[in-house]
Amino acid sequence: MVKINQAAKPALPEGWQCRTSKRRKGQTRGRVDKLYIAPNGTQYRSLRAVNEYLSGLAEQPKTAPVV
């Protein structure tokens, strides 16, 4: 079962989603996996990857340089 967690902690930027799914089989059954989804559809399996993406995004210029 996959759920979309709108109240993800820590809070994600607007437009991001956190999907959770519970493992049903194997030795790790019962464990919950989180999948972070960016507004553009890119998926990240860890909050660390999301933070790296967001910090890299903040460093990039928003407009293309004029040549």
PDB file of N, CA and C in Angstrom:
ATOM      1  N   MET A   1       0.845  -1.177   0.000  1.00  0.00           N
ATOM      2  CA  MET A   1       0.000   0.000   0.000  1.00  0.00           C
ATOM      3  C   MET A   1       0.892   1.242   0.000  1.00  0.00           C
ATOM      4  N   VAL A   2       0.619   2.162  -0.865  1.00  0.00           N
ATOM      5  CA  VAL A   2       1.383   3.398  -0.966  1.00  0.00           C
ATOM      6  C   VAL A   2       0.501   4.548  -0.516  1.00  0.00           C
ATOM      7  N   LYS A   3       1.055   5.371   0.377  1.00  0.00           N
ATOM      8  CA  LYS A   3       0.315   6.535   0.850  1.00  0.00           C
ATOM      9  C   LYS A   3       1.100   7.788   0.512  1.00  0.00           C
ATOM     10  N   ILE A   4       0.407   8.879   0.211  1.00  0.00           N
ATOM     11  CA  ILE A   4       1.053  10.168   0.009  1.00  0.00           C
ATOM     12  C   ILE A   4       0.952  10.916   1.316  1.00  0.00           C
ATOM     13  N   ASN A   5       2.100  11.238   1.875  1.00  0.00           N
ATOM     14  CA  ASN A   5       2.160  11.895   3.168  1.00  0.00           C
ATOM     15  C   ASN A   5       2.280  13.395   2.977  1.00  0.00           C
ATOM     16  N   GLN A   6       1.177  14.108   3.105  1.00  0.00           N
ATOM     17  CA  GLN A   6       1.180  15.563   2.923  1.00  0.00           C
ATOM     18  C   GLN A   6       1.805  16.276   4.117  1.00  0.00           C
ATOM     19  N   ALA A   7       1.847  15.625   5.275  1.00  0.00           N
ATOM     20  CA  ALA A   7       2.390  16.243   6.482  1.00  0.00           C
ATOM     21  C   ALA A   7       3.782  15.687   6.775  1.00  0.00           C
ATOM     22  N   ALA A   8       4.595  15.536   5.744  1.00  0.00           N
ATOM     23  CA  ALA A   8       5.931  14.971   5.905  1.00  0.00           C
ATOM     24  C   ALA A   8       6.769  15.842   6.826  1.00  0.00           C
ATOM     25  N   LYS A   9       7.529  15.188   7.694  1.00  0.00           N
ATOM     26  CA  LYS A   9       8.428  15.910   8.588  1.00  0.00           C
ATOM     27  C   LYS A   9       9.829  15.464   8.259  1.00  0.00           C
ATOM     28  N   PRO A  10      10.767  16.308   8.033  1.00  0.00           N
ATOM     29  CA  PRO A  10      10.615  17.765   8.046  1.00  0.00           C
ATOM     30  C   PRO A  10       9.791  18.238   6.854  1.00  0.00           C
ATOM     31  N   ALA A  11       9.279  19.438   6.972  1.00  0.00           N
ATOM     32  CA  ALA A  11       8.415  19.989   5.927  1.00  0.00           C
ATOM     33  C   ALA A  11       9.188  20.111   4.618  1.00  0.00           C
ATOM     34  N   LEU A  12       8.553  19.734   3.541  1.00  0.00           N
ATOM     35  CA  LEU A  12       9.154  19.831   2.210  1.00  0.00           C
ATOM     36  C   LEU A  12       8.690  21.120   1.556  1.00  0.00           C
ATOM     37  N   PRO A  13       9.467  21.629   0.599  1.00  0.00           N
ATOM     38  CA  PRO A  13       9.035  22.826  -0.134  1.00  0.00           C
ATOM     39  C   PRO A  13       7.710  22.570  -0.854  1.00  0.00           C
ATOM     40  N   GLU A  14       7.031  23.628  -1.184  1.00  0.00           N
ATOM     41  CA  GLU A  14       5.732  23.519  -1.842  1.00  0.00           C
ATOM     42  C   GLU A  14       5.859  22.763  -3.161  1.00  0.00           C
ATOM     43  N   GLY A  15       4.925  21.875  -3.412  1.00  0.00           N
ATOM     44  CA  GLY A  15       4.927  21.104  -4.646  1.00  0.00           C
ATOM     45  C   GLY A  15       5.573  19.735  -4.502  1.00  0.00           C
ATOM     46  N   TRP A  16       6.346  19.514  -3.454  1.00  0.00           N
ATOM     47  CA  TRP A  16       6.991  18.226  -3.214  1.00  0.00           C
ATOM     48  C   TRP A  16       6.010  17.286  -2.538  1.00  0.00           C
ATOM     49  N   GLN A  17       6.215  15.977  -2.763  1.00  0.00           N
ATOM     50  CA  GLN A  17       5.393  14.960  -2.120  1.00  0.00           C
ATOM     51  C   GLN A  17       6.296  13.942  -1.444  1.00  0.00           C
ATOM     52  N   CYS A  18       5.781  13.315  -0.411  1.00  0.00           N
ATOM     53  CA  CYS A  18       6.467  12.210   0.250  1.00  0.00           C
ATOM     54  C   CYS A  18       5.520  11.020   0.228  1.00  0.00           C
ATOM     55  N   ARG A  19       5.915   9.956  -0.453  1.00  0.00           N
ATOM     56  CA  ARG A  19       5.104   8.739  -0.494  1.00  0.00           C
ATOM     57  C   ARG A  19       5.741   7.720   0.454  1.00  0.00           C
ATOM     58  N   THR A  20       4.913   7.060   1.219  1.00  0.00           N
ATOM     59  CA  THR A  20       5.408   6.019   2.106  1.00  0.00           C
ATOM     60  C   THR A  20       4.785   4.691   1.707  1.00  0.00           C
ATOM     61  N   SER A  21       5.574   3.649   1.840  1.00  0.00           N
ATOM     62  CA  SER A  21       5.057   2.301   1.585  1.00  0.00           C
ATOM     63  C   SER A  21       5.666   1.351   2.611  1.00  0.00           C
ATOM     64  N   LYS A  22       4.849   0.425   3.076  1.00  0.00           N
ATOM     65  CA  LYS A  22       5.285  -0.537   4.078  1.00  0.00           C
ATOM     66  C   LYS A  22       5.692  -1.824   3.380  1.00  0.00           C
ATOM     67  N   ARG A  23       6.867  -2.341   3.752  1.00  0.00           N
ATOM     68  CA  ARG A  23       7.329  -3.594   3.170  1.00  0.00           C
ATOM     69  C   ARG A  23       6.473  -4.743   3.692  1.00  0.00           C
ATOM     70  N   ARG A  24       6.083  -5.648   2.761  1.00  0.00           N
ATOM     71  CA  ARG A  24       5.173  -6.730   3.138  1.00  0.00           C
ATOM     72  C   ARG A  24       5.834  -8.097   3.238  1.00  0.00           C
ATOM     73  N   LYS A  25       7.038  -8.233   2.694  1.00  0.00           N
ATOM     74  CA  LYS A  25       7.682  -9.545   2.680  1.00  0.00           C
ATOM     75  C   LYS A  25       9.137  -9.441   3.116  1.00  0.00           C
ATOM     76  N   GLY A  26       9.708 -10.567   3.419  1.00  0.00           N
ATOM     77  CA  GLY A  26      11.127 -10.638   3.740  1.00  0.00           C
ATOM     78  C   GLY A  26      11.431 -10.333   5.197  1.00  0.00           C
ATOM     79  N   GLN A  27      12.714 -10.343   5.513  1.00  0.00           N
ATOM     80  CA  GLN A  27      13.144 -10.114   6.892  1.00  0.00           C
ATOM     81  C   GLN A  27      12.888  -8.696   7.357  1.00  0.00           C
ATOM     82  N   THR A  28      12.761  -7.767   6.433  1.00  0.00           N
ATOM     83  CA  THR A  28      12.539  -6.365   6.813  1.00  0.00           C
ATOM     84  C   THR A  28      11.078  -5.960   6.657  1.00  0.00           C
ATOM     85  N   ARG A  29      10.150  -6.923   6.628  1.00  0.00           N
ATOM     86  CA  ARG A  29       8.726  -6.593   6.487  1.00  0.00           C
ATOM     87  C   ARG A  29       8.295  -5.733   7.668  1.00  0.00           C
ATOM     88  N   GLY A  30       7.402  -4.812   7.364  1.00  0.00           N
ATOM     89  CA  GLY A  30       6.942  -3.885   8.385  1.00  0.00           C
ATOM     90  C   GLY A  30       7.695  -2.566   8.370  1.00  0.00           C
ATOM     91  N   ARG A  31       8.858  -2.555   7.761  1.00  0.00           N
ATOM     92  CA  ARG A  31       9.639  -1.325   7.673  1.00  0.00           C
ATOM     93  C   ARG A  31       9.006  -0.392   6.641  1.00  0.00           C
ATOM     94  N   VAL A  32       9.079   0.906   6.903  1.00  0.00           N
ATOM     95  CA  VAL A  32       8.452   1.888   6.021  1.00  0.00           C
ATOM     96  C   VAL A  32       9.520   2.560   5.159  1.00  0.00           C
ATOM     97  N   ASP A  33       9.293   2.586   3.859  1.00  0.00           N
ATOM     98  CA  ASP A  33      10.173   3.281   2.916  1.00  0.00           C
ATOM     99  C   ASP A  33       9.525   4.600   2.536  1.00  0.00           C
ATOM    100  N   LYS A  34      10.358   5.648   2.389  1.00  0.00           N
ATOM    101  CA  LYS A  34       9.860   6.952   1.952  1.00  0.00           C
ATOM    102  C   LYS A  34      10.439   7.268   0.587  1.00  0.00           C
ATOM    103  N   LEU A  35       9.627   7.863  -0.253  1.00  0.00           N
ATOM    104  CA  LEU A  35      10.039   8.284  -1.582  1.00  0.00           C
ATOM    105  C   LEU A  35       9.645   9.745  -1.722  1.00  0.00           C
ATOM    106  N   TYR A  36      10.622  10.606  -1.953  1.00  0.00           N
ATOM    107  CA  TYR A  36      10.374  12.043  -2.092  1.00  0.00           C
ATOM    108  C   TYR A  36      10.272  12.366  -3.575  1.00  0.00           C
ATOM    109  N   ILE A  37       9.221  13.067  -3.959  1.00  0.00           N
ATOM    110  CA  ILE A  37       8.970  13.359  -5.368  1.00  0.00           C
ATOM    111  C   ILE A  37       8.952  14.869  -5.574  1.00  0.00           C
ATOM    112  N   ALA A  38       9.836  15.334  -6.478  1.00  0.00           N
ATOM    113  CA  ALA A  38       9.942  16.755  -6.799  1.00  0.00           C
ATOM    114  C   ALA A  38       8.768  17.163  -7.690  1.00  0.00           C
ATOM    115  N   PRO A  39       8.491  18.460  -7.777  1.00  0.00           N
ATOM    116  CA  PRO A  39       7.405  18.931  -8.643  1.00  0.00           C
ATOM    117  C   PRO A  39       7.571  18.511 -10.103  1.00  0.00           C
ATOM    118  N   ASN A  40       8.814  18.326 -10.561  1.00  0.00           N
ATOM    119  CA  ASN A  40       9.043  17.922 -11.952  1.00  0.00           C
ATOM    120  C   ASN A  40       8.962  16.406 -12.150  1.00  0.00           C
ATOM    121  N   GLY A  41       8.672  15.643 -11.065  1.00  0.00           N
ATOM    122  CA  GLY A  41       8.513  14.198 -11.171  1.00  0.00           C
ATOM    123  C   GLY A  41       9.745  13.395 -10.806  1.00  0.00           C
ATOM    124  N   THR A  42      10.876  14.048 -10.571  1.00  0.00           N
ATOM    125  CA  THR A  42      12.096  13.347 -10.187  1.00  0.00           C
ATOM    126  C   THR A  42      11.904  12.746  -8.804  1.00  0.00           C
ATOM    127  N   GLN A  43      12.347  11.486  -8.627  1.00  0.00           N
ATOM    128  CA  GLN A  43      12.156  10.785  -7.366  1.00  0.00           C
ATOM    129  C   GLN A  43      13.479  10.623  -6.632  1.00  0.00           C
ATOM    130  N   TYR A  44      13.431  10.803  -5.313  1.00  0.00           N
ATOM    131  CA  TYR A  44      14.605  10.663  -4.455  1.00  0.00           C
ATOM    132  C   TYR A  44      14.257   9.717  -3.320  1.00  0.00           C
ATOM    133  N   ARG A  45      15.184   8.813  -2.994  1.00  0.00           N
ATOM    134  CA  ARG A  45      14.918   7.818  -1.968  1.00  0.00           C
ATOM    135  C   ARG A  45      15.365   8.246  -0.583  1.00  0.00           C
ATOM    136  N   SER A  46      16.045   9.384  -0.474  1.00  0.00           N
ATOM    137  CA  SER A  46      16.480   9.833   0.851  1.00  0.00           C
ATOM    138  C   SER A  46      16.336  11.340   0.967  1.00  0.00           C
ATOM    139  N   LEU A  47      16.173  11.786   2.199  1.00  0.00           N
ATOM    140  CA  LEU A  47      16.077  13.213   2.462  1.00  0.00           C
ATOM    141  C   LEU A  47      17.422  13.883   2.188  1.00  0.00           C
ATOM    142  N   ARG A  48      18.498  13.143   2.369  1.00  0.00           N
ATOM    143  CA  ARG A  48      19.828  13.670   2.069  1.00  0.00           C
ATOM    144  C   ARG A  48      19.949  14.014   0.586  1.00  0.00           C
ATOM    145  N   ALA A  49      19.459  13.155  -0.277  1.00  0.00           N
ATOM    146  CA  ALA A  49      19.493  13.419  -1.719  1.00  0.00           C
ATOM    147  C   ALA A  49      18.646  14.633  -2.073  1.00  0.00           C
ATOM    148  N   VAL A  50      17.503  14.792  -1.390  1.00  0.00           N
ATOM    149  CA  VAL A  50      16.643  15.960  -1.620  1.00  0.00           C
ATOM    150  C   VAL A  50      17.397  17.228  -1.237  1.00  0.00           C
ATOM    151  N   ASN A  51      18.048  17.206  -0.063  1.00  0.00           N
ATOM    152  CA  ASN A  51      18.801  18.378   0.383  1.00  0.00           C
ATOM    153  C   ASN A  51      19.948  18.719  -0.563  1.00  0.00           C
ATOM    154  N   GLU A  52      20.636  17.711  -1.078  1.00  0.00           N
ATOM    155  CA  GLU A  52      21.721  17.951  -2.043  1.00  0.00           C
ATOM    156  C   GLU A  52      21.162  18.573  -3.315  1.00  0.00           C
ATOM    157  N   TYR A  53      20.038  18.083  -3.780  1.00  0.00           N
ATOM    158  CA  TYR A  53      19.402  18.635  -4.974  1.00  0.00           C
ATOM    159  C   TYR A  53      19.010  20.092  -4.746  1.00  0.00           C
ATOM    160  N   LEU A  54      18.370  20.357  -3.605  1.00  0.00           N
ATOM    161  CA  LEU A  54      17.911  21.716  -3.313  1.00  0.00           C
ATOM    162  C   LEU A  54      19.072  22.684  -3.114  1.00  0.00           C
ATOM    163  N   SER A  55      20.156  22.243  -2.478  1.00  0.00           N
ATOM    164  CA  SER A  55      21.298  23.140  -2.285  1.00  0.00           C
ATOM    165  C   SER A  55      21.988  23.405  -3.619  1.00  0.00           C
ATOM    166  N   GLY A  56      22.029  22.409  -4.499  1.00  0.00           N
ATOM    167  CA  GLY A  56      22.595  22.609  -5.831  1.00  0.00           C
ATOM    168  C   GLY A  56      21.722  23.509  -6.673  1.00  0.00           C
ATOM    169  N   LEU A  57      20.423  23.394  -6.495  1.00  0.00           N
ATOM    170  CA  LEU A  57      19.470  24.215  -7.219  1.00  0.00           C
ATOM    171  C   LEU A  57      19.596  25.677  -6.799  1.00  0.00           C
ATOM    172  N   ALA A  58      19.849  25.900  -5.524  1.00  0.00           N
ATOM    173  CA  ALA A  58      19.965  27.268  -5.008  1.00  0.00           C
ATOM    174  C   ALA A  58      21.212  27.973  -5.546  1.00  0.00           C
ATOM    175  N   GLU A  59      22.252  27.187  -5.858  1.00  0.00           N
ATOM    176  CA  GLU A  59      23.510  27.755  -6.329  1.00  0.00           C
ATOM    177  C   GLU A  59      23.489  28.087  -7.815  1.00  0.00           C
ATOM    178  N   GLN A  60      22.567  27.493  -8.565  1.00  0.00           N
ATOM    179  CA  GLN A  60      22.518  27.725 -10.002  1.00  0.00           C
ATOM    180  C   GLN A  60      21.827  29.048 -10.316  1.00  0.00           C
ATOM    181  N   PRO A  61      22.315  29.758 -11.333  1.00  0.00           N
ATOM    182  CA  PRO A  61      21.612  30.992 -11.707  1.00  0.00           C
ATOM    183  C   PRO A  61      20.232  30.676 -12.272  1.00  0.00           C
ATOM    184  N   LYS A  62      19.271  31.531 -12.016  1.00  0.00           N
ATOM    185  CA  LYS A  62      17.890  31.288 -12.469  1.00  0.00           C
ATOM    186  C   LYS A  62      17.698  31.637 -13.928  1.00  0.00           C
ATOM    187  N   THR A  63      18.561  32.472 -14.486  1.00  0.00           N
ATOM    188  CA  THR A  63      18.460  32.835 -15.902  1.00  0.00           C
ATOM    189  C   THR A  63      19.766  32.490 -16.601  1.00  0.00           C
ATOM    190  N   ALA A  64      19.671  32.258 -17.872  1.00  0.00           N
ATOM    191  CA  ALA A  64      20.860  31.956 -18.658  1.00  0.00           C
ATOM    192  C   ALA A  64      21.671  33.222 -18.858  1.00  0.00           C
ATOM    193  N   PRO A  65      22.999  33.109 -18.813  1.00  0.00           N
ATOM    194  CA  PRO A  65      23.826  34.299 -19.047  1.00  0.00           C
ATOM    195  C   PRO A  65      23.691  34.790 -20.484  1.00  0.00           C
ATOM    196  N   VAL A  66      23.769  36.074 -20.661  1.00  0.00           N
ATOM    197  CA  VAL A  66      23.676  36.687 -21.991  1.00  0.00           C
ATOM    198  C   VAL A  66      25.080  36.687 -22.588  1.00  0.00           C
ATOM    199  N   VAL A  67      25.210  36.165 -23.812  1.00  0.00           N
ATOM    200  CA  VAL A  67      26.520  36.105 -24.467  1.00  0.00           C
ATOM    201  C   VAL A  67      26.605  37.086 -25.579  1.00  0.00           C
TER     202      VAL A  67
END
